Amino acid sequence: MGLAERRAPILTAVAVLTVASLGLLGWQQLAGPPAVVEGSAAALGGLTTEVRDATWVDFDMGHVMDGQGGFMMPDQMMPGAPTGDEVRLGVTLTLANTDGQTHGFNLVEEFSLVGGAGSEPAAPAADTIGDLSRLGPGAAVDGTIYFDVAVPGDGDPPLYLQWHRDGETVRIPVLVEDAPEHEHG
């Protein structure tokens, strides 16, 4: 078998894979945004996420410019706290294994917050789940994932917890009360 005869099947396979990849990419572009679930729960890849609550975190801690001798603590004195116009939103959820086998998960890679005043998905800033990275059959964990985001205005889109797992993505509505006042020093 000559060199040209050996190259033909390889070149054909490369061409087929290229066309298939371009088709998949085009389909993803035309498919639009991820599905928005009805209610507060979604299931992906053997796990279920249920959003239970969402609350704004108050970082002012009594240190405000109030004319009474208080002051706003500068960003340098609060490492890891939201900066600029951002405030911290805590999304409390239950992550449960609804399958008969152990499943791993990664909060930072799987979850983001979309909508509101931001044009890009917000990655988690912190969480209360810690180093836990897998759940056995029937196991569940309650925790809070924190996101630093600009306060949504009246005309901004609603907030969603976006969950991407095993090649699928869903958006779970996040209902939250009015944001706290965010003062600048």
C-alpha atoms as a PDB file:
ATOM      1  CA  MET A   1       0.000   0.000   0.000  1.00  0.00           C
ATOM      2  CA  GLY A   2       1.504   3.304  -1.090  1.00  0.00           C
ATOM      3  CA  LEU A   3       1.721   6.526   0.875  1.00  0.00           C
ATOM      4  CA  ALA A   4      -1.120   8.132  -1.097  1.00  0.00           C
ATOM      5  CA  GLU A   5      -3.403   5.159  -0.410  1.00  0.00           C
ATOM      6  CA  ARG A   6      -2.733   5.409   3.346  1.00  0.00           C
ATOM      7  CA  ARG A   7      -3.386   9.176   3.435  1.00  0.00           C
ATOM      8  CA  ALA A   8      -6.783   8.991   1.720  1.00  0.00           C
ATOM      9  CA  PRO A   9      -8.676   7.401   4.679  1.00  0.00           C
ATOM     10  CA  ILE A  10      -6.985   9.762   7.142  1.00  0.00           C
ATOM     11  CA  LEU A  11      -7.842  12.836   5.087  1.00  0.00           C
ATOM     12  CA  THR A  12     -11.417  11.605   4.700  1.00  0.00           C
ATOM     13  CA  ALA A  13     -11.736  11.088   8.472  1.00  0.00           C
ATOM     14  CA  VAL A  14     -10.327  14.577   9.165  1.00  0.00           C
ATOM     15  CA  ALA A  15     -12.752  16.132   6.673  1.00  0.00           C
ATOM     16  CA  VAL A  16     -15.744  14.304   8.183  1.00  0.00           C
ATOM     17  CA  LEU A  17     -14.756  15.342  11.729  1.00  0.00           C
ATOM     18  CA  THR A  18     -14.258  18.956  10.630  1.00  0.00           C
ATOM     19  CA  VAL A  19     -17.680  19.125   8.985  1.00  0.00           C
ATOM     20  CA  ALA A  20     -19.305  17.481  12.038  1.00  0.00           C
ATOM     21  CA  SER A  21     -17.570  19.920  14.414  1.00  0.00           C
ATOM     22  CA  LEU A  22     -18.630  22.933  12.365  1.00  0.00           C
ATOM     23  CA  GLY A  23     -22.190  21.610  12.249  1.00  0.00           C
ATOM     24  CA  LEU A  24     -22.277  21.172  16.031  1.00  0.00           C
ATOM     25  CA  LEU A  25     -20.837  24.646  16.583  1.00  0.00           C
ATOM     26  CA  GLY A  26     -23.416  26.164  14.233  1.00  0.00           C
ATOM     27  CA  TRP A  27     -26.243  24.282  15.931  1.00  0.00           C
ATOM     28  CA  GLN A  28     -25.115  25.549  19.364  1.00  0.00           C
ATOM     29  CA  GLN A  29     -25.045  29.125  18.067  1.00  0.00           C
ATOM     30  CA  LEU A  30     -28.565  28.819  16.626  1.00  0.00           C
ATOM     31  CA  ALA A  31     -29.948  26.994  19.672  1.00  0.00           C
ATOM     32  CA  GLY A  32     -30.003  30.227  21.694  1.00  0.00           C
ATOM     33  CA  PRO A  33     -29.699  30.632  25.450  1.00  0.00           C
ATOM     34  CA  PRO A  34     -30.010  27.702  27.868  1.00  0.00           C
ATOM     35  CA  ALA A  35     -33.438  26.515  28.932  1.00  0.00           C
ATOM     36  CA  VAL A  36     -35.075  28.306  31.858  1.00  0.00           C
ATOM     37  CA  VAL A  37     -36.644  25.831  34.260  1.00  0.00           C
ATOM     38  CA  GLU A  38     -40.087  26.228  35.731  1.00  0.00           C
ATOM     39  CA  GLY A  39     -39.933  26.544  39.510  1.00  0.00           C
ATOM     40  CA  SER A  40     -36.779  26.468  41.594  1.00  0.00           C
ATOM     41  CA  ALA A  41     -35.138  23.108  40.801  1.00  0.00           C
ATOM     42  CA  ALA A  42     -33.301  21.401  37.947  1.00  0.00           C
ATOM     43  CA  ALA A  43     -31.701  17.994  37.413  1.00  0.00           C
ATOM     44  CA  LEU A  44     -28.522  17.399  35.385  1.00  0.00           C
ATOM     45  CA  GLY A  45     -26.081  14.499  35.284  1.00  0.00           C
ATOM     46  CA  GLY A  46     -27.459  12.575  38.283  1.00  0.00           C
ATOM     47  CA  LEU A  47     -27.648  15.635  40.565  1.00  0.00           C
ATOM     48  CA  THR A  48     -30.509  17.981  41.426  1.00  0.00           C
ATOM     49  CA  THR A  49     -30.110  21.625  42.408  1.00  0.00           C
ATOM     50  CA  GLU A  50     -32.918  23.446  44.216  1.00  0.00           C
ATOM     51  CA  VAL A  51     -32.608  27.194  44.831  1.00  0.00           C
ATOM     52  CA  ARG A  52     -34.153  27.882  48.240  1.00  0.00           C
ATOM     53  CA  ASP A  53     -33.388  31.549  48.881  1.00  0.00           C
ATOM     54  CA  ALA A  54     -31.354  34.539  47.726  1.00  0.00           C
ATOM     55  CA  THR A  55     -30.281  37.408  49.963  1.00  0.00           C
ATOM     56  CA  TRP A  56     -27.981  40.410  49.690  1.00  0.00           C
ATOM     57  CA  VAL A  57     -24.995  40.445  52.064  1.00  0.00           C
ATOM     58  CA  ASP A  58     -24.403  43.693  53.949  1.00  0.00           C
ATOM     59  CA  PHE A  59     -20.684  44.509  54.124  1.00  0.00           C
ATOM     60  CA  ASP A  60     -21.080  47.985  55.641  1.00  0.00           C
ATOM     61  CA  MET A  61     -20.986  46.584  59.211  1.00  0.00           C
ATOM     62  CA  GLY A  62     -21.909  49.945  60.742  1.00  0.00           C
ATOM     63  CA  HIS A  63     -18.947  51.751  59.198  1.00  0.00           C
ATOM     64  CA  VAL A  64     -20.725  54.307  57.082  1.00  0.00           C
ATOM     65  CA  MET A  65     -20.208  57.942  56.284  1.00  0.00           C
ATOM     66  CA  ASP A  66     -23.191  59.102  58.329  1.00  0.00           C
ATOM     67  CA  GLY A  67     -21.982  62.389  59.788  1.00  0.00           C
ATOM     68  CA  GLN A  68     -21.861  60.692  63.191  1.00  0.00           C
ATOM     69  CA  GLY A  69     -18.166  59.781  63.132  1.00  0.00           C
ATOM     70  CA  GLY A  70     -18.614  56.571  61.127  1.00  0.00           C
ATOM     71  CA  PHE A  71     -16.646  55.808  57.965  1.00  0.00           C
ATOM     72  CA  MET A  72     -16.730  53.499  54.965  1.00  0.00           C
ATOM     73  CA  MET A  73     -14.009  50.887  55.221  1.00  0.00           C
ATOM     74  CA  PRO A  74     -11.761  51.049  52.127  1.00  0.00           C
ATOM     75  CA  ASP A  75     -11.489  48.032  49.809  1.00  0.00           C
ATOM     76  CA  GLN A  76      -7.886  47.364  50.953  1.00  0.00           C
ATOM     77  CA  MET A  77      -9.120  46.697  54.497  1.00  0.00           C
ATOM     78  CA  MET A  78     -11.650  44.101  53.311  1.00  0.00           C
ATOM     79  CA  PRO A  79      -9.840  41.713  50.938  1.00  0.00           C
ATOM     80  CA  GLY A  80     -12.214  39.505  49.007  1.00  0.00           C
ATOM     81  CA  ALA A  81     -15.185  41.840  49.517  1.00  0.00           C
ATOM     82  CA  PRO A  82     -17.086  43.237  46.532  1.00  0.00           C
ATOM     83  CA  THR A  83     -15.533  46.331  44.985  1.00  0.00           C
ATOM     84  CA  GLY A  84     -16.873  49.329  43.115  1.00  0.00           C
ATOM     85  CA  ASP A  85     -20.593  49.171  42.403  1.00  0.00           C
ATOM     86  CA  GLU A  86     -20.851  45.466  43.168  1.00  0.00           C
ATOM     87  CA  VAL A  87     -22.675  43.903  46.100  1.00  0.00           C
ATOM     88  CA  ARG A  88     -22.633  40.276  47.232  1.00  0.00           C
ATOM     89  CA  LEU A  89     -25.617  38.050  46.621  1.00  0.00           C
ATOM     90  CA  GLY A  90     -25.914  34.738  48.463  1.00  0.00           C
ATOM     91  CA  VAL A  91     -27.897  32.023  46.668  1.00  0.00           C
ATOM     92  CA  THR A  92     -28.855  29.267  49.123  1.00  0.00           C
ATOM     93  CA  LEU A  93     -29.439  25.893  47.522  1.00  0.00           C
ATOM     94  CA  THR A  94     -29.633  22.156  48.068  1.00  0.00           C
ATOM     95  CA  LEU A  95     -27.493  19.941  45.851  1.00  0.00           C
ATOM     96  CA  ALA A  96     -28.708  16.315  45.946  1.00  0.00           C
ATOM     97  CA  ASN A  97     -27.595  13.064  44.348  1.00  0.00           C
ATOM     98  CA  THR A  98     -30.728  11.518  42.855  1.00  0.00           C
ATOM     99  CA  ASP A  99     -28.850   8.664  41.212  1.00  0.00           C
ATOM    100  CA  GLY A 100     -27.624   5.255  42.371  1.00  0.00           C
ATOM    101  CA  GLN A 101     -23.923   6.104  41.976  1.00  0.00           C
ATOM    102  CA  THR A 102     -21.492   8.671  43.351  1.00  0.00           C
ATOM    103  CA  HIS A 103     -21.239  11.917  41.354  1.00  0.00           C
ATOM    104  CA  GLY A 104     -18.551  14.579  41.497  1.00  0.00           C
ATOM    105  CA  PHE A 105     -19.236  18.282  41.110  1.00  0.00           C
ATOM    106  CA  ASN A 106     -17.323  21.561  40.976  1.00  0.00           C
ATOM    107  CA  LEU A 107     -19.214  24.674  42.103  1.00  0.00           C
ATOM    108  CA  VAL A 108     -16.836  27.132  40.411  1.00  0.00           C
ATOM    109  CA  GLU A 109     -16.940  25.363  37.047  1.00  0.00           C
ATOM    110  CA  GLU A 110     -20.643  24.446  37.070  1.00  0.00           C
ATOM    111  CA  PHE A 111     -22.408  27.513  38.509  1.00  0.00           C
ATOM    112  CA  SER A 112     -22.601  31.168  37.503  1.00  0.00           C
ATOM    113  CA  LEU A 113     -25.086  34.013  37.908  1.00  0.00           C
ATOM    114  CA  VAL A 114     -26.511  35.596  34.758  1.00  0.00           C
ATOM    115  CA  GLY A 115     -28.903  38.442  34.035  1.00  0.00           C
ATOM    116  CA  GLY A 116     -29.315  41.617  36.018  1.00  0.00           C
ATOM    117  CA  ALA A 117     -27.043  44.554  35.236  1.00  0.00           C
ATOM    118  CA  GLY A 118     -24.108  42.372  34.123  1.00  0.00           C
ATOM    119  CA  SER A 119     -23.511  41.385  30.529  1.00  0.00           C
ATOM    120  CA  GLU A 120     -21.188  38.483  31.398  1.00  0.00           C
ATOM    121  CA  PRO A 121     -21.871  35.523  33.720  1.00  0.00           C
ATOM    122  CA  ALA A 122     -20.621  36.147  37.274  1.00  0.00           C
ATOM    123  CA  ALA A 123     -18.451  33.378  38.717  1.00  0.00           C
ATOM    124  CA  PRO A 124     -18.840  32.366  42.375  1.00  0.00           C
ATOM    125  CA  ALA A 125     -16.910  34.648  44.761  1.00  0.00           C
ATOM    126  CA  ALA A 126     -17.251  32.302  47.758  1.00  0.00           C
ATOM    127  CA  ASP A 127     -19.368  29.439  49.082  1.00  0.00           C
ATOM    128  CA  THR A 128     -20.219  27.593  52.290  1.00  0.00           C
ATOM    129  CA  ILE A 129     -19.822  24.088  50.842  1.00  0.00           C
ATOM    130  CA  GLY A 130     -16.028  24.170  50.980  1.00  0.00           C
ATOM    131  CA  ASP A 131     -13.931  21.266  49.736  1.00  0.00           C
ATOM    132  CA  LEU A 132     -16.829  18.828  49.273  1.00  0.00           C
ATOM    133  CA  SER A 133     -16.609  17.668  45.657  1.00  0.00           C
ATOM    134  CA  ARG A 134     -18.814  14.589  45.380  1.00  0.00           C
ATOM    135  CA  LEU A 135     -22.052  13.143  46.682  1.00  0.00           C
ATOM    136  CA  GLY A 136     -22.867   9.495  47.227  1.00  0.00           C
ATOM    137  CA  PRO A 137     -26.219   7.940  46.283  1.00  0.00           C
ATOM    138  CA  GLY A 138     -29.071   9.660  48.122  1.00  0.00           C
ATOM    139  CA  ALA A 139     -26.751  12.240  49.736  1.00  0.00           C
ATOM    140  CA  ALA A 140     -27.442  15.977  49.735  1.00  0.00           C
ATOM    141  CA  VAL A 141     -25.735  19.154  50.885  1.00  0.00           C
ATOM    142  CA  ASP A 142     -27.188  22.549  51.752  1.00  0.00           C
ATOM    143  CA  GLY A 143     -25.043  25.596  51.147  1.00  0.00           C
ATOM    144  CA  THR A 144     -24.783  29.105  49.831  1.00  0.00           C
ATOM    145  CA  ILE A 145     -22.913  30.259  46.744  1.00  0.00           C
ATOM    146  CA  TYR A 146     -21.972  33.959  46.777  1.00  0.00           C
ATOM    147  CA  PHE A 147     -21.707  36.158  43.689  1.00  0.00           C
ATOM    148  CA  ASP A 148     -20.434  39.752  43.408  1.00  0.00           C
ATOM    149  CA  VAL A 149     -22.722  41.627  41.010  1.00  0.00           C
ATOM    150  CA  ALA A 150     -23.931  45.126  40.244  1.00  0.00           C
ATOM    151  CA  VAL A 151     -27.357  45.872  41.686  1.00  0.00           C
ATOM    152  CA  PRO A 152     -29.967  45.158  38.995  1.00  0.00           C
ATOM    153  CA  GLY A 153     -32.047  48.121  37.884  1.00  0.00           C
ATOM    154  CA  ASP A 154     -35.762  48.135  37.113  1.00  0.00           C
ATOM    155  CA  GLY A 155     -35.150  47.611  33.393  1.00  0.00           C
ATOM    156  CA  ASP A 156     -32.544  44.856  33.771  1.00  0.00           C
ATOM    157  CA  PRO A 157     -33.281  41.209  32.948  1.00  0.00           C
ATOM    158  CA  PRO A 158     -34.091  38.863  35.860  1.00  0.00           C
ATOM    159  CA  LEU A 159     -31.315  36.981  37.661  1.00  0.00           C
ATOM    160  CA  TYR A 160     -30.738  33.277  37.001  1.00  0.00           C
ATOM    161  CA  LEU A 161     -28.464  30.679  38.540  1.00  0.00           C
ATOM    162  CA  GLN A 162     -26.892  29.114  35.463  1.00  0.00           C
ATOM    163  CA  TRP A 163     -25.864  25.480  35.893  1.00  0.00           C
ATOM    164  CA  HIS A 164     -23.654  23.765  33.317  1.00  0.00           C
ATOM    165  CA  ARG A 165     -23.042  20.040  33.766  1.00  0.00           C
ATOM    166  CA  ASP A 166     -22.279  17.132  31.432  1.00  0.00           C
ATOM    167  CA  GLY A 167     -22.648  19.301  28.316  1.00  0.00           C
ATOM    168  CA  GLU A 168     -26.094  20.632  29.305  1.00  0.00           C
ATOM    169  CA  THR A 169     -26.982  24.062  30.670  1.00  0.00           C
ATOM    170  CA  VAL A 170     -30.107  25.263  32.481  1.00  0.00           C
ATOM    171  CA  ARG A 171     -31.096  28.499  34.171  1.00  0.00           C
ATOM    172  CA  ILE A 172     -32.942  28.512  37.497  1.00  0.00           C
ATOM    173  CA  PRO A 173     -34.771  31.754  38.419  1.00  0.00           C
ATOM    174  CA  VAL A 174     -33.321  33.611  41.423  1.00  0.00           C
ATOM    175  CA  LEU A 175     -35.915  35.680  43.277  1.00  0.00           C
ATOM    176  CA  VAL A 176     -34.383  38.352  45.494  1.00  0.00           C
ATOM    177  CA  GLU A 177     -35.639  41.343  47.452  1.00  0.00           C
ATOM    178  CA  ASP A 178     -34.339  44.872  46.889  1.00  0.00           C
ATOM    179  CA  ALA A 179     -30.568  45.253  47.161  1.00  0.00           C
ATOM    180  CA  PRO A 180     -29.026  47.110  50.082  1.00  0.00           C
ATOM    181  CA  GLU A 181     -27.726  50.645  49.605  1.00  0.00           C
ATOM    182  CA  HIS A 182     -24.086  50.546  48.548  1.00  0.00           C
ATOM    183  CA  GLU A 183     -22.207  53.632  49.710  1.00  0.00           C
ATOM    184  CA  HIS A 184     -18.813  54.773  48.487  1.00  0.00           C
ATOM    185  CA  GLY A 185     -16.195  56.461  50.604  1.00  0.00           C
END
